[in-house]
Amino acid sequence: MQLAERQRRSREGAATVEQAEDDESDDDPLPPAPAGFELVDWVQRDPLEHFLLYCTVGRSKVAGWHVGTVVKVHAKNRYGYTHDAYLDGSSEKRGVRLTSELYDTGYWYKMSPVSA
């Protein structure tokens, strides 16, 4: 799903006066891009360096948005991870799943540095 389509759905969802509590994530607003970055469209097989991922980290049971930088791409990983990445500026590599299915449902976004 293209970023523009996600934004349109977000605006339509925000325009609704009453929303059911079980609305899907398509109605959720886009997360804010961190300073110096913008959210951009991603197409499968596009190179990926920076991303924003909704997940838990470490032993935390609370999910939130985390900024990631790809370190390595996995062709196939026995744990199901597609990439190794640094999250939130940490120097510790973590396995992450950046699949097209999770992208389409709004769990992660590709980011690009803003040109000066």
N, C-alpha and C. Protein backbone atom coordinates (compact mmCIF):
# COMPACT_ATOMS: atom_id res chain seq x y z
N MET A 1 0.86 -1.17 0.00
CA MET A 1 0.00 0.00 0.00
C MET A 1 0.90 1.24 0.00
N GLN A 2 0.62 2.18 -0.87
CA GLN A 2 1.43 3.39 -0.99
C GLN A 2 1.19 4.32 0.19
N LEU A 3 2.20 5.12 0.49
CA LEU A 3 2.14 6.05 1.62
C LEU A 3 0.98 7.03 1.46
N ALA A 4 0.74 7.51 0.24
CA ALA A 4 -0.36 8.45 -0.01
C ALA A 4 -1.71 7.80 0.32
N GLU A 5 -1.86 6.52 -0.01
CA GLU A 5 -3.10 5.80 0.29
C GLU A 5 -3.26 5.65 1.80
N ARG A 6 -2.18 5.38 2.51
CA ARG A 6 -2.24 5.29 3.97
C ARG A 6 -2.67 6.63 4.56
N GLN A 7 -2.11 7.74 4.05
CA GLN A 7 -2.46 9.06 4.56
C GLN A 7 -3.92 9.38 4.28
N ARG A 8 -4.41 9.01 3.08
CA ARG A 8 -5.82 9.26 2.74
C ARG A 8 -6.72 8.50 3.71
N ARG A 9 -6.43 7.24 3.95
CA ARG A 9 -7.24 6.45 4.87
C ARG A 9 -7.20 7.03 6.28
N SER A 10 -6.03 7.55 6.66
CA SER A 10 -5.89 8.15 7.98
C SER A 10 -6.78 9.38 8.09
N ARG A 11 -6.79 10.23 7.05
CA ARG A 11 -7.65 11.43 7.07
C ARG A 11 -9.12 11.05 7.10
N GLU A 12 -9.51 10.05 6.31
CA GLU A 12 -10.90 9.61 6.31
C GLU A 12 -11.30 9.08 7.67
N GLY A 13 -10.39 8.34 8.29
CA GLY A 13 -10.67 7.81 9.62
C GLY A 13 -10.81 8.91 10.65
N ALA A 14 -9.97 9.95 10.53
CA ALA A 14 -10.02 11.06 11.48
C ALA A 14 -11.28 11.89 11.28
N ALA A 15 -11.85 11.89 10.07
CA ALA A 15 -13.04 12.67 9.79
C ALA A 15 -14.30 12.00 10.34
N THR A 16 -14.22 10.75 10.66
CA THR A 16 -15.37 10.02 11.19
C THR A 16 -15.63 10.48 12.63
N VAL A 17 -16.88 10.84 12.92
CA VAL A 17 -17.20 11.32 14.25
C VAL A 17 -17.09 10.20 15.28
N GLU A 18 -17.70 9.06 15.00
CA GLU A 18 -17.62 7.94 15.92
C GLU A 18 -16.91 6.79 15.22
N GLN A 19 -15.94 6.21 15.93
CA GLN A 19 -15.25 5.04 15.39
C GLN A 19 -15.40 3.90 16.38
N ALA A 20 -15.59 2.72 15.84
CA ALA A 20 -15.67 1.55 16.72
C ALA A 20 -14.32 1.32 17.37
N GLU A 21 -14.34 0.77 18.57
CA GLU A 21 -13.09 0.55 19.29
C GLU A 21 -12.22 -0.50 18.62
N ASP A 22 -12.82 -1.34 17.79
CA ASP A 22 -12.03 -2.39 17.14
C ASP A 22 -11.63 -2.02 15.72
N ASP A 23 -11.50 -0.71 15.41
CA ASP A 23 -11.06 -0.28 14.09
C ASP A 23 -9.70 -0.88 13.77
N GLU A 24 -9.47 -1.13 12.48
CA GLU A 24 -8.18 -1.66 12.07
C GLU A 24 -7.14 -0.55 12.06
N SER A 25 -5.86 -0.93 11.96
CA SER A 25 -4.76 0.03 11.99
C SER A 25 -4.77 0.98 10.80
N ASP A 26 -5.52 0.67 9.72
CA ASP A 26 -5.59 1.56 8.57
C ASP A 26 -6.15 2.93 8.94
N ASP A 27 -6.91 3.01 10.03
CA ASP A 27 -7.50 4.26 10.45
C ASP A 27 -6.60 5.04 11.41
N ASP A 28 -5.53 4.43 11.84
CA ASP A 28 -4.62 5.10 12.76
C ASP A 28 -3.80 6.14 12.01
N PRO A 29 -3.48 7.26 12.67
CA PRO A 29 -2.64 8.26 12.00
C PRO A 29 -1.23 7.73 11.79
N LEU A 30 -0.57 8.25 10.78
CA LEU A 30 0.82 7.87 10.54
C LEU A 30 1.68 8.36 11.70
N PRO A 31 2.70 7.60 12.06
CA PRO A 31 3.58 8.06 13.12
C PRO A 31 4.40 9.25 12.62
N PRO A 32 4.81 10.12 13.51
CA PRO A 32 5.66 11.24 13.07
C PRO A 32 7.06 10.75 12.72
N ALA A 33 7.61 11.27 11.65
CA ALA A 33 8.98 10.92 11.27
C ALA A 33 9.94 11.63 12.23
N PRO A 34 11.01 10.97 12.62
CA PRO A 34 11.99 11.63 13.49
C PRO A 34 12.65 12.81 12.77
N ALA A 35 13.20 13.73 13.53
CA ALA A 35 13.87 14.90 12.95
C ALA A 35 14.94 14.45 11.97
N GLY A 36 14.97 15.09 10.80
CA GLY A 36 15.96 14.79 9.78
C GLY A 36 15.56 13.69 8.82
N PHE A 37 14.36 13.12 9.01
CA PHE A 37 13.89 12.03 8.15
C PHE A 37 12.48 12.33 7.65
N GLU A 38 12.12 11.65 6.56
CA GLU A 38 10.75 11.68 6.07
C GLU A 38 10.32 10.25 5.76
N LEU A 39 9.03 9.96 5.92
CA LEU A 39 8.50 8.65 5.56
C LEU A 39 8.33 8.61 4.05
N VAL A 40 8.77 7.52 3.43
CA VAL A 40 8.69 7.39 1.97
C VAL A 40 8.08 6.03 1.62
N ASP A 41 7.59 5.92 0.39
CA ASP A 41 7.04 4.65 -0.08
C ASP A 41 8.14 3.60 -0.17
N TRP A 42 7.75 2.37 0.08
CA TRP A 42 8.67 1.24 -0.06
C TRP A 42 8.04 0.23 -1.00
N VAL A 43 8.83 -0.29 -1.89
CA VAL A 43 8.41 -1.35 -2.80
C VAL A 43 9.31 -2.55 -2.51
N GLN A 44 8.70 -3.74 -2.47
CA GLN A 44 9.48 -4.93 -2.17
C GLN A 44 10.71 -5.01 -3.06
N ARG A 45 11.82 -5.37 -2.47
CA ARG A 45 13.14 -5.49 -3.09
C ARG A 45 13.85 -4.14 -3.22
N ASP A 46 13.21 -3.04 -2.81
CA ASP A 46 13.91 -1.75 -2.74
C ASP A 46 14.96 -1.84 -1.63
N PRO A 47 16.12 -1.23 -1.84
CA PRO A 47 17.10 -1.20 -0.75
C PRO A 47 16.52 -0.46 0.46
N LEU A 48 16.89 -0.89 1.62
CA LEU A 48 16.35 -0.33 2.85
C LEU A 48 17.49 -0.04 3.81
N GLU A 49 17.57 1.21 4.26
CA GLU A 49 18.60 1.58 5.21
C GLU A 49 18.00 2.04 6.54
N HIS A 50 17.01 2.93 6.48
CA HIS A 50 16.39 3.47 7.69
C HIS A 50 14.91 3.13 7.70
N PHE A 51 14.38 2.86 8.89
CA PHE A 51 12.96 2.50 9.00
C PHE A 51 12.43 2.89 10.36
N LEU A 52 11.11 2.90 10.47
CA LEU A 52 10.40 3.14 11.71
C LEU A 52 9.55 1.90 11.95
N LEU A 53 9.71 1.25 13.09
CA LEU A 53 9.07 -0.05 13.36
C LEU A 53 8.28 0.01 14.66
N TYR A 54 7.05 -0.49 14.62
CA TYR A 54 6.23 -0.60 15.82
C TYR A 54 6.46 -1.99 16.41
N CYS A 55 7.09 -2.04 17.59
CA CYS A 55 7.42 -3.32 18.19
C CYS A 55 7.76 -3.15 19.67
N THR A 56 8.00 -4.28 20.31
CA THR A 56 8.57 -4.25 21.66
C THR A 56 10.07 -4.46 21.51
N VAL A 57 10.84 -3.96 22.47
CA VAL A 57 12.29 -4.12 22.43
C VAL A 57 12.74 -4.69 23.76
N GLY A 58 13.58 -5.71 23.69
CA GLY A 58 14.09 -6.32 24.91
C GLY A 58 13.00 -6.99 25.71
N ARG A 59 13.02 -6.76 27.00
CA ARG A 59 12.03 -7.40 27.88
C ARG A 59 10.76 -6.57 28.06
N SER A 60 10.72 -5.43 27.41
CA SER A 60 9.54 -4.57 27.53
C SER A 60 8.32 -5.26 26.94
N LYS A 61 7.20 -5.09 27.59
CA LYS A 61 5.94 -5.65 27.09
C LYS A 61 5.09 -4.57 26.44
N VAL A 62 5.62 -3.35 26.39
CA VAL A 62 4.91 -2.23 25.81
C VAL A 62 5.47 -1.93 24.42
N ALA A 63 4.62 -2.01 23.42
CA ALA A 63 5.06 -1.73 22.05
C ALA A 63 5.09 -0.22 21.82
N GLY A 64 5.98 0.20 20.94
CA GLY A 64 6.08 1.60 20.57
C GLY A 64 6.85 1.73 19.27
N TRP A 65 6.98 2.96 18.77
CA TRP A 65 7.69 3.21 17.52
C TRP A 65 9.18 3.33 17.81
N HIS A 66 9.99 2.62 17.01
CA HIS A 66 11.44 2.61 17.17
C HIS A 66 12.11 2.90 15.83
N VAL A 67 13.13 3.74 15.88
CA VAL A 67 13.90 4.10 14.69
C VAL A 67 14.97 3.04 14.49
N GLY A 68 15.09 2.54 13.25
CA GLY A 68 16.06 1.48 12.98
C GLY A 68 16.96 1.79 11.81
N THR A 69 18.16 1.22 11.87
CA THR A 69 19.12 1.30 10.78
C THR A 69 19.55 -0.13 10.44
N VAL A 70 19.37 -0.51 9.18
CA VAL A 70 19.69 -1.87 8.75
C VAL A 70 21.19 -2.08 8.75
N VAL A 71 21.60 -3.23 9.31
CA VAL A 71 22.99 -3.62 9.34
C VAL A 71 23.24 -4.77 8.34
N LYS A 72 22.27 -5.70 8.27
CA LYS A 72 22.42 -6.88 7.42
C LYS A 72 21.06 -7.35 6.96
N VAL A 73 20.99 -7.83 5.73
CA VAL A 73 19.77 -8.43 5.18
C VAL A 73 19.94 -9.94 5.21
N HIS A 74 18.93 -10.66 5.69
CA HIS A 74 18.97 -12.12 5.73
C HIS A 74 18.17 -12.69 4.57
N ALA A 75 18.77 -13.61 3.83
CA ALA A 75 18.03 -14.31 2.78
C ALA A 75 17.01 -15.23 3.44
N LYS A 76 17.45 -15.95 4.45
CA LYS A 76 16.56 -16.82 5.20
C LYS A 76 17.15 -16.96 6.59
N ASN A 77 16.31 -16.82 7.61
CA ASN A 77 16.79 -16.87 8.98
C ASN A 77 15.91 -17.85 9.74
N ARG A 78 16.50 -18.71 10.53
CA ARG A 78 15.71 -19.72 11.22
C ARG A 78 14.75 -19.14 12.25
N TYR A 79 14.98 -17.89 12.67
CA TYR A 79 14.08 -17.26 13.63
C TYR A 79 13.02 -16.40 12.94
N GLY A 80 13.07 -16.31 11.63
CA GLY A 80 12.07 -15.54 10.89
C GLY A 80 12.44 -14.08 10.69
N TYR A 81 13.63 -13.68 11.14
CA TYR A 81 14.05 -12.29 10.97
C TYR A 81 14.50 -12.05 9.53
N THR A 82 14.15 -10.90 9.00
CA THR A 82 14.55 -10.54 7.63
C THR A 82 15.79 -9.66 7.62
N HIS A 83 16.04 -8.97 8.74
CA HIS A 83 17.17 -8.04 8.81
C HIS A 83 17.76 -8.03 10.22
N ASP A 84 19.04 -7.66 10.32
CA ASP A 84 19.64 -7.24 11.58
C ASP A 84 19.67 -5.73 11.54
N ALA A 85 19.42 -5.10 12.68
CA ALA A 85 19.37 -3.64 12.70
C ALA A 85 19.75 -3.10 14.07
N TYR A 86 20.18 -1.84 14.06
CA TYR A 86 20.36 -1.09 15.30
C TYR A 86 19.05 -0.33 15.52
N LEU A 87 18.50 -0.41 16.73
CA LEU A 87 17.26 0.30 17.06
C LEU A 87 17.55 1.44 18.02
N ASP A 88 16.98 2.58 17.72
CA ASP A 88 17.05 3.77 18.58
C ASP A 88 18.49 4.16 18.93
N GLY A 89 19.40 4.02 17.97
CA GLY A 89 20.78 4.44 18.17
C GLY A 89 21.64 3.49 18.97
N SER A 90 21.10 2.34 19.35
CA SER A 90 21.87 1.36 20.11
C SER A 90 22.95 0.74 19.23
N SER A 91 24.03 0.27 19.84
CA SER A 91 25.08 -0.42 19.09
C SER A 91 24.87 -1.93 19.13
N GLU A 92 23.78 -2.37 19.74
CA GLU A 92 23.45 -3.79 19.81
C GLU A 92 22.57 -4.18 18.63
N LYS A 93 23.02 -5.17 17.84
CA LYS A 93 22.24 -5.64 16.70
C LYS A 93 21.05 -6.45 17.18
N ARG A 94 19.91 -6.25 16.53
CA ARG A 94 18.71 -7.02 16.85
C ARG A 94 18.11 -7.55 15.57
N GLY A 95 17.54 -8.74 15.63
CA GLY A 95 16.81 -9.27 14.49
C GLY A 95 15.44 -8.60 14.41
N VAL A 96 15.04 -8.20 13.21
CA VAL A 96 13.72 -7.60 13.00
C VAL A 96 13.07 -8.24 11.78
N ARG A 97 11.75 -8.17 11.73
CA ARG A 97 10.99 -8.66 10.58
C ARG A 97 10.43 -7.45 9.84
N LEU A 98 10.93 -7.23 8.64
CA LEU A 98 10.46 -6.13 7.80
C LEU A 98 9.89 -6.74 6.52
N THR A 99 8.70 -7.33 6.66
CA THR A 99 8.06 -8.02 5.53
C THR A 99 7.06 -7.10 4.83
N SER A 100 6.69 -7.48 3.62
CA SER A 100 5.69 -6.69 2.88
C SER A 100 4.34 -6.75 3.59
N GLU A 101 4.01 -7.86 4.23
CA GLU A 101 2.74 -7.97 4.95
C GLU A 101 2.69 -7.00 6.13
N LEU A 102 3.79 -6.92 6.87
CA LEU A 102 3.83 -5.99 8.01
C LEU A 102 3.87 -4.54 7.54
N TYR A 103 4.49 -4.29 6.40
CA TYR A 103 4.49 -2.94 5.82
C TYR A 103 3.06 -2.54 5.43
N ASP A 104 2.36 -3.44 4.74
CA ASP A 104 1.00 -3.14 4.29
C ASP A 104 0.03 -2.90 5.43
N THR A 105 0.28 -3.51 6.58
CA THR A 105 -0.62 -3.31 7.72
C THR A 105 -0.18 -2.17 8.62
N GLY A 106 0.91 -1.47 8.25
CA GLY A 106 1.30 -0.27 8.99
C GLY A 106 2.20 -0.48 10.18
N TYR A 107 2.87 -1.64 10.27
CA TYR A 107 3.76 -1.89 11.40
C TYR A 107 5.16 -1.34 11.19
N TRP A 108 5.50 -0.98 9.94
CA TRP A 108 6.79 -0.34 9.73
C TRP A 108 6.71 0.56 8.50
N TYR A 109 7.62 1.54 8.46
CA TYR A 109 7.69 2.52 7.37
C TYR A 109 9.14 2.71 6.98
N LYS A 110 9.37 2.87 5.70
CA LYS A 110 10.70 3.21 5.21
C LYS A 110 10.92 4.70 5.45
N MET A 111 12.14 5.07 5.83
CA MET A 111 12.47 6.47 6.03
C MET A 111 13.65 6.84 5.13
N SER A 112 13.70 8.11 4.80
CA SER A 112 14.80 8.63 4.00
C SER A 112 15.28 9.92 4.66
N PRO A 113 16.59 10.14 4.71
CA PRO A 113 17.08 11.41 5.27
C PRO A 113 16.57 12.58 4.43
N VAL A 114 16.21 13.65 5.09
CA VAL A 114 15.73 14.85 4.40
C VAL A 114 16.91 15.56 3.79
N SER A 115 16.81 15.93 2.52
CA SER A 115 17.89 16.66 1.86
C SER A 115 17.89 18.09 2.34
N ALA A 116 19.07 18.62 2.57
CA ALA A 116 19.20 20.00 3.06
C ALA A 116 19.00 21.00 1.96
